[in-house]
Structure formats: structure tokens, C-alpha cells
C-alpha atoms as a PDB file:
ATOM      1  CA  MET A   1      36.086 -13.530  -2.019  1.00  0.00           C
ATOM      2  CA  LYS A   2      36.615 -15.668  -4.954  1.00  0.00           C
ATOM      3  CA  LEU A   3      33.657 -17.528  -6.704  1.00  0.00           C
ATOM      4  CA  THR A   4      33.721 -20.490  -7.745  1.00  0.00           C
ATOM      5  CA  ARG A   5      32.230 -22.423 -10.765  1.00  0.00           C
ATOM      6  CA  PRO A   6      29.398 -24.136  -8.469  1.00  0.00           C
ATOM      7  CA  SER A   7      28.962 -20.700  -6.284  1.00  0.00           C
ATOM      8  CA  LEU A   8      28.988 -18.586  -8.937  1.00  0.00           C
ATOM      9  CA  ILE A   9      25.522 -20.513 -10.845  1.00  0.00           C
ATOM     10  CA  PRO A  10      23.265 -19.497  -7.887  1.00  0.00           C
ATOM     11  CA  PHE A  11      24.677 -16.748  -7.442  1.00  0.00           C
ATOM     12  CA  LEU A  12      23.376 -15.639 -11.320  1.00  0.00           C
ATOM     13  CA  LEU A  13      20.314 -17.373 -11.119  1.00  0.00           C
ATOM     14  CA  LEU A  14      19.614 -15.328  -7.845  1.00  0.00           C
ATOM     15  CA  THR A  15      20.917 -12.175  -9.737  1.00  0.00           C
ATOM     16  CA  LEU A  16      18.392 -12.519 -12.990  1.00  0.00           C
ATOM     17  CA  SER A  17      15.587 -13.621 -11.155  1.00  0.00           C
ATOM     18  CA  ALA A  18      15.890 -10.845  -8.893  1.00  0.00           C
ATOM     19  CA  SER A  19      16.206  -8.201 -11.899  1.00  0.00           C
ATOM     20  CA  GLY A  20      13.442 -10.063 -13.943  1.00  0.00           C
ATOM     21  CA  PHE A  21      11.206  -9.591 -10.710  1.00  0.00           C
ATOM     22  CA  ALA A  22      12.292  -5.910 -10.290  1.00  0.00           C
ATOM     23  CA  GLN A  23      10.652  -5.001 -14.284  1.00  0.00           C
ATOM     24  CA  ASP A  24       7.039  -6.749 -13.535  1.00  0.00           C
ATOM     25  CA  LEU A  25       6.822  -5.174  -9.835  1.00  0.00           C
ATOM     26  CA  PRO A  26       3.547  -3.655  -9.558  1.00  0.00           C
ATOM     27  CA  ILE A  27       4.623  -0.225  -7.962  1.00  0.00           C
ATOM     28  CA  SER A  28       7.276   1.910  -9.791  1.00  0.00           C
ATOM     29  CA  GLY A  29       9.788   3.972  -7.892  1.00  0.00           C
ATOM     30  CA  ILE A  30       9.186   1.737  -4.388  1.00  0.00           C
ATOM     31  CA  ASN A  31      12.348  -1.352  -4.226  1.00  0.00           C
ATOM     32  CA  PRO A  32      10.555  -4.251  -2.491  1.00  0.00           C
ATOM     33  CA  SER A  33      12.552  -5.568   0.838  1.00  0.00           C
ATOM     34  CA  ARG A  34      15.505  -7.384   0.561  1.00  0.00           C
ATOM     35  CA  ASP A  35      15.587 -11.257  -0.055  1.00  0.00           C
ATOM     36  CA  ILE A  36      17.293 -12.878   2.978  1.00  0.00           C
ATOM     37  CA  PRO A  37      17.956 -16.493   1.794  1.00  0.00           C
ATOM     38  CA  GLY A  38      17.402 -19.100   4.444  1.00  0.00           C
ATOM     39  CA  ALA A  39      15.023 -17.217   6.194  1.00  0.00           C
ATOM     40  CA  HIS A  40      12.623 -19.117   8.360  1.00  0.00           C
ATOM     41  CA  LEU A  41       9.110 -17.343   7.485  1.00  0.00           C
ATOM     42  CA  SER A  42       8.888 -16.080   3.946  1.00  0.00           C
ATOM     43  CA  PRO A  43       6.129 -14.925   1.841  1.00  0.00           C
ATOM     44  CA  GLU A  44       4.675 -17.819  -0.344  1.00  0.00           C
ATOM     45  CA  PRO A  45       2.798 -17.990  -3.446  1.00  0.00           C
ATOM     46  CA  GLU A  46       0.467 -20.269  -3.337  1.00  0.00           C
ATOM     47  CA  THR A  47      -0.722 -18.258   0.407  1.00  0.00           C
ATOM     48  CA  GLU A  48      -3.525 -15.914   0.731  1.00  0.00           C
ATOM     49  CA  TYR A  49      -2.432 -12.829   2.272  1.00  0.00           C
ATOM     50  CA  LYS A  50      -5.520 -10.696   3.873  1.00  0.00           C
ATOM     51  CA  VAL A  51      -3.791  -7.412   5.075  1.00  0.00           C
ATOM     52  CA  VAL A  52      -5.905  -4.345   6.556  1.00  0.00           C
ATOM     53  CA  PHE A  53      -3.453  -1.298   7.327  1.00  0.00           C
ATOM     54  CA  ASP A  54      -5.047   1.353   9.501  1.00  0.00           C
ATOM     55  CA  PHE A  55      -4.134   4.709   8.589  1.00  0.00           C
ATOM     56  CA  VAL A  56      -4.795   6.954  11.583  1.00  0.00           C
ATOM     57  CA  MET A  57      -1.955   9.068  11.826  1.00  0.00           C
ATOM     58  CA  ILE A  58      -2.265  13.046  11.069  1.00  0.00           C
ATOM     59  CA  ASP A  59       0.295  13.900   8.741  1.00  0.00           C
ATOM     60  CA  ASP A  60       1.254  17.662   9.500  1.00  0.00           C
ATOM     61  CA  ASN A  61       4.114  17.655   6.038  1.00  0.00           C
ATOM     62  CA  LEU A  62       2.134  17.844   3.173  1.00  0.00           C
ATOM     63  CA  ASP A  63       5.296  18.076   0.936  1.00  0.00           C
ATOM     64  CA  ASP A  64       5.304  14.458   1.377  1.00  0.00           C
ATOM     65  CA  PRO A  65       3.248  11.325   0.815  1.00  0.00           C
ATOM     66  CA  TYR A  66       1.592   9.874   3.956  1.00  0.00           C
ATOM     67  CA  PRO A  67       3.776   7.564   5.797  1.00  0.00           C
ATOM     68  CA  MET A  68       2.297   4.716   5.219  1.00  0.00           C
ATOM     69  CA  LEU A  69       2.423   4.611   1.769  1.00  0.00           C
ATOM     70  CA  PRO A  70       5.189   3.754   0.599  1.00  0.00           C
ATOM     71  CA  LEU A  71       5.822   0.997   3.183  1.00  0.00           C
ATOM     72  CA  VAL A  72       2.014  -0.547   1.528  1.00  0.00           C
ATOM     73  CA  ALA A  73       4.254  -0.093  -1.567  1.00  0.00           C
ATOM     74  CA  ARG A  74       6.999  -1.783  -0.181  1.00  0.00           C
ATOM     75  CA  TYR A  75       5.061  -4.612   1.206  1.00  0.00           C
ATOM     76  CA  VAL A  76       3.039  -5.155  -2.290  1.00  0.00           C
ATOM     77  CA  ASN A  77       6.043  -5.180  -4.435  1.00  0.00           C
ATOM     78  CA  THR A  78       7.437  -7.722  -2.029  1.00  0.00           C
ATOM     79  CA  LEU A  79       5.077  -9.999  -2.549  1.00  0.00           C
ATOM     80  CA  ALA A  80       5.193  -9.505  -5.789  1.00  0.00           C
ATOM     81  CA  ASN A  81       8.607  -9.910  -6.101  1.00  0.00           C
ATOM     82  CA  MET A  82       7.996 -12.818  -3.886  1.00  0.00           C
ATOM     83  CA  GLY A  83       5.927 -14.465  -6.341  1.00  0.00           C
ATOM     84  CA  VAL A  84       2.773 -14.025  -4.727  1.00  0.00           C
ATOM     85  CA  PRO A  85      -0.229 -13.223  -7.690  1.00  0.00           C
ATOM     86  CA  LYS A  86      -2.046 -10.018  -7.885  1.00  0.00           C
ATOM     87  CA  GLU A  87      -5.677 -12.631  -6.726  1.00  0.00           C
ATOM     88  CA  ASN A  88      -3.576 -13.982  -3.115  1.00  0.00           C
ATOM     89  CA  ARG A  89      -2.729  -9.955  -2.792  1.00  0.00           C
ATOM     90  CA  LYS A  90      -5.553  -8.834  -0.689  1.00  0.00           C
ATOM     91  CA  ILE A  91      -4.614  -5.425   0.660  1.00  0.00           C
ATOM     92  CA  SER A  92      -7.105  -2.840   2.033  1.00  0.00           C
ATOM     93  CA  ILE A  93      -6.325   0.674   3.475  1.00  0.00           C
ATOM     94  CA  VAL A  94      -8.892   1.863   6.275  1.00  0.00           C
ATOM     95  CA  MET A  95      -8.188   5.820   6.188  1.00  0.00           C
ATOM     96  CA  HIS A  96      -9.789   7.951   9.395  1.00  0.00           C
ATOM     97  CA  ARG A  97      -8.900  10.296  12.080  1.00  0.00           C
ATOM     98  CA  GLY A  98      -7.272  12.765   9.675  1.00  0.00           C
ATOM     99  CA  SER A  99      -5.434  10.346   7.441  1.00  0.00           C
ATOM    100  CA  GLY A 100      -8.193  10.009   5.304  1.00  0.00           C
ATOM    101  CA  LEU A 101      -7.490  13.663   3.411  1.00  0.00           C
ATOM    102  CA  ILE A 102      -4.557  12.354   1.808  1.00  0.00           C
ATOM    103  CA  GLY A 103      -7.223  10.921  -0.406  1.00  0.00           C
ATOM    104  CA  LEU A 104      -8.597  14.207  -1.227  1.00  0.00           C
ATOM    105  CA  ASN A 105      -8.421  15.197  -5.436  1.00  0.00           C
ATOM    106  CA  ASN A 106      -5.800  17.534  -6.307  1.00  0.00           C
ATOM    107  CA  ASP A 107      -8.770  20.424  -6.588  1.00  0.00           C
ATOM    108  CA  GLU A 108      -9.928  19.930  -2.769  1.00  0.00           C
ATOM    109  CA  PHE A 109      -6.168  19.280  -1.487  1.00  0.00           C
ATOM    110  CA  ARG A 110      -5.461  22.842  -2.968  1.00  0.00           C
ATOM    111  CA  ALA A 111      -8.149  24.519  -1.545  1.00  0.00           C
ATOM    112  CA  ARG A 112      -7.509  23.120   1.917  1.00  0.00           C
ATOM    113  CA  HIS A 113      -3.537  23.288   1.727  1.00  0.00           C
ATOM    114  CA  GLU A 114      -2.710  26.571   0.902  1.00  0.00           C
ATOM    115  CA  GLY A 115      -2.544  26.019  -2.386  1.00  0.00           C
ATOM    116  CA  LYS A 116      -0.153  22.828  -2.275  1.00  0.00           C
ATOM    117  CA  ASP A 117      -0.540  19.545  -4.597  1.00  0.00           C
ATOM    118  CA  ASN A 118      -1.426  16.369  -3.032  1.00  0.00           C
ATOM    119  CA  PRO A 119       1.658  14.861  -2.722  1.00  0.00           C
ATOM    120  CA  ASN A 120      -0.153  11.289  -2.040  1.00  0.00           C
ATOM    121  CA  ILE A 121      -1.916  10.995  -5.596  1.00  0.00           C
ATOM    122  CA  GLU A 122       0.326   9.242  -7.603  1.00  0.00           C
ATOM    123  CA  LEU A 123       1.059   6.880  -4.997  1.00  0.00           C
ATOM    124  CA  ILE A 124      -2.570   6.089  -4.144  1.00  0.00           C
ATOM    125  CA  ASN A 125      -3.640   5.482  -7.859  1.00  0.00           C
ATOM    126  CA  GLN A 126      -0.730   3.219  -8.440  1.00  0.00           C
ATOM    127  CA  LEU A 127      -1.747   1.399  -5.113  1.00  0.00           C
ATOM    128  CA  HIS A 128      -4.897   0.934  -6.134  1.00  0.00           C
ATOM    129  CA  GLU A 129      -4.198  -0.363  -9.681  1.00  0.00           C
ATOM    130  CA  ALA A 130      -2.476  -2.940  -7.896  1.00  0.00           C
ATOM    131  CA  GLY A 131      -5.066  -4.175  -6.028  1.00  0.00           C
ATOM    132  CA  VAL A 132      -5.394  -2.368  -2.904  1.00  0.00           C
ATOM    133  CA  THR A 133      -8.638  -0.955  -1.906  1.00  0.00           C
ATOM    134  CA  PHE A 134      -8.902   2.108   0.207  1.00  0.00           C
ATOM    135  CA  HIS A 135     -11.706   2.932   2.653  1.00  0.00           C
ATOM    136  CA  LEU A 136     -12.355   6.225   3.784  1.00  0.00           C
ATOM    137  CA  CYS A 137     -14.832   6.349   7.285  1.00  0.00           C
ATOM    138  CA  GLY A 138     -17.812   7.885   6.304  1.00  0.00           C
ATOM    139  CA  GLN A 139     -18.343   9.729   9.747  1.00  0.00           C
ATOM    140  CA  GLY A 140     -14.972  11.595   9.204  1.00  0.00           C
ATOM    141  CA  MET A 141     -15.882  12.207   5.641  1.00  0.00           C
ATOM    142  CA  ILE A 142     -19.522  14.330   7.359  1.00  0.00           C
ATOM    143  CA  SER A 143     -18.014  16.271   9.962  1.00  0.00           C
ATOM    144  CA  ARG A 144     -15.080  17.311   7.879  1.00  0.00           C
ATOM    145  CA  GLY A 145     -17.655  18.642   5.050  1.00  0.00           C
ATOM    146  CA  LEU A 146     -16.511  16.307   2.246  1.00  0.00           C
ATOM    147  CA  GLU A 147     -18.380  15.151  -0.617  1.00  0.00           C
ATOM    148  CA  GLU A 148     -17.088  11.757  -2.912  1.00  0.00           C
ATOM    149  CA  SER A 149     -16.504  14.255  -5.749  1.00  0.00           C
ATOM    150  CA  ASP A 150     -13.766  16.085  -3.561  1.00  0.00           C
ATOM    151  CA  LEU A 151     -12.274  12.333  -3.554  1.00  0.00           C
ATOM    152  CA  LEU A 152      -9.879  10.244  -5.927  1.00  0.00           C
ATOM    153  CA  ASP A 153     -12.024   7.758  -8.111  1.00  0.00           C
ATOM    154  CA  ALA A 154      -9.608   5.047  -5.949  1.00  0.00           C
ATOM    155  CA  ILE A 155     -11.272   6.062  -2.652  1.00  0.00           C
ATOM    156  CA  GLN A 156     -14.065   3.762  -1.429  1.00  0.00           C
ATOM    157  CA  VAL A 157     -16.341   5.673   1.202  1.00  0.00           C
ATOM    158  CA  ASP A 158     -18.103   3.410   3.819  1.00  0.00           C
ATOM    159  CA  TYR A 159     -20.265   3.622   6.994  1.00  0.00           C
ATOM    160  CA  TRP A 160     -17.594   4.193   9.549  1.00  0.00           C
ATOM    161  CA  ALA A 161     -13.822   3.093  10.232  1.00  0.00           C
ATOM    162  CA  LEU A 162     -14.660   0.758  13.204  1.00  0.00           C
ATOM    163  CA  THR A 163     -17.287  -1.129  10.828  1.00  0.00           C
ATOM    164  CA  THR A 164     -14.599  -1.439   8.342  1.00  0.00           C
ATOM    165  CA  LEU A 165     -11.967  -2.932  10.816  1.00  0.00           C
ATOM    166  CA  ILE A 166     -14.311  -5.078  11.963  1.00  0.00           C
ATOM    167  CA  GLU A 167     -16.067  -6.378   9.327  1.00  0.00           C
ATOM    168  CA  LEU A 168     -12.157  -7.084   7.029  1.00  0.00           C
ATOM    169  CA  GLY A 169     -11.228  -8.756  10.778  1.00  0.00           C
ATOM    170  CA  ARG A 170     -14.314 -10.629  10.309  1.00  0.00           C
ATOM    171  CA  GLN A 171     -13.164 -11.658   6.930  1.00  0.00           C
ATOM    172  CA  GLY A 172      -9.787 -12.908   8.235  1.00  0.00           C
ATOM    173  CA  TYR A 173      -7.642  -9.665   7.400  1.00  0.00           C
ATOM    174  CA  VAL A 174      -4.714  -9.036   9.683  1.00  0.00           C
ATOM    175  CA  LYS A 175      -4.924  -5.449  10.744  1.00  0.00           C
ATOM    176  CA  ILE A 176      -1.423  -3.336  11.013  1.00  0.00           C
ATOM    177  CA  GLY A 177      -0.916  -0.154  12.832  1.00  0.00           C
ATOM    178  CA  GLY A 178      -4.206   1.834  14.498  1.00  0.00           C
END
């Protein structure tokens, strides 16, 4: 397809603006969703996005990051790429029913998983730096014999995952997963 001068300008602007955002994405190594010109619904910079991801799945593959973490990272990067400022990205993750083990520090993770390193640490720390809050079910923490000192600094211990999900819902967060 031959590009004419009028159609070349929007193409170059789109390419330059996308490449400009790509340098400033909060999570390295994770691409945002691809642009769909003319899409009916897209993230809007002035909208406050309150989203809670409900992590309940037990992950048996300890060699890779928890499967939902890259999805959350893609969502964060997509919002940033679409111009949504950090203060309008209110994203939380509630971990319970086995998923909370992804928040262990490396020493505790190794002790519980045959000497393997925790593959989630880098992504959790990047997400936390990007403003994502991590909520661990305190009841699950107790039942697994964990102490707060066993956790990454990014992990907040709440009373109970159910309480956290209800409270965030009451604050207007939209629940994803679970």
C-alpha cells in the first residue's frame, strides 16, 4: 500500500507518540495492549480507574511468575500508554487461597520451595513502585505459619481477604478475577 503525504503524517504522529510513551512505561519488559484506532471504549486520561485483581489460584509452576502478574503489568502499562496519570491508576491485588505465597521474600520462598528463587519479586516490586497495592489475607498467612518478616516489603497484611474485597468494592473498586 502506497502512503500518500496526508496519510503519512498521522502514521508518523502515531508512531512517534507510541514510541515516546514506550520509554516511560512504569513496568519494564511488558508491552501495553496494542492501539485500536476508532475503538468505541478506550481508557481515558481524566478517568479514575479503581480496579482490584482477586488472586485465588494456586500456582504449581514455581519457575515462572504468577500468571496474573504479567496481566496486571500489561494493564498498568496500557493505562500509562493511553495517558492515564499515576494518580488515576488505583490498582490493588488481593492474594489468598495459595496465591499469597508469591509475596514471600527470597529466603522464605527458597525454604518452602526446594531452594528455588521467587520468580515474582522483580515484577511485584515494579508494580508496587508503579502504585499497585498488594493485600495478603491475614487469615491465610496465619494458617500457613507465615510471619510478616517472611514477606516482601510491598505486601500489606490485611485481616481477611473477604474483608478487603468488600471494603475495596465499597470504595468503588471493580473486581477482576476470583
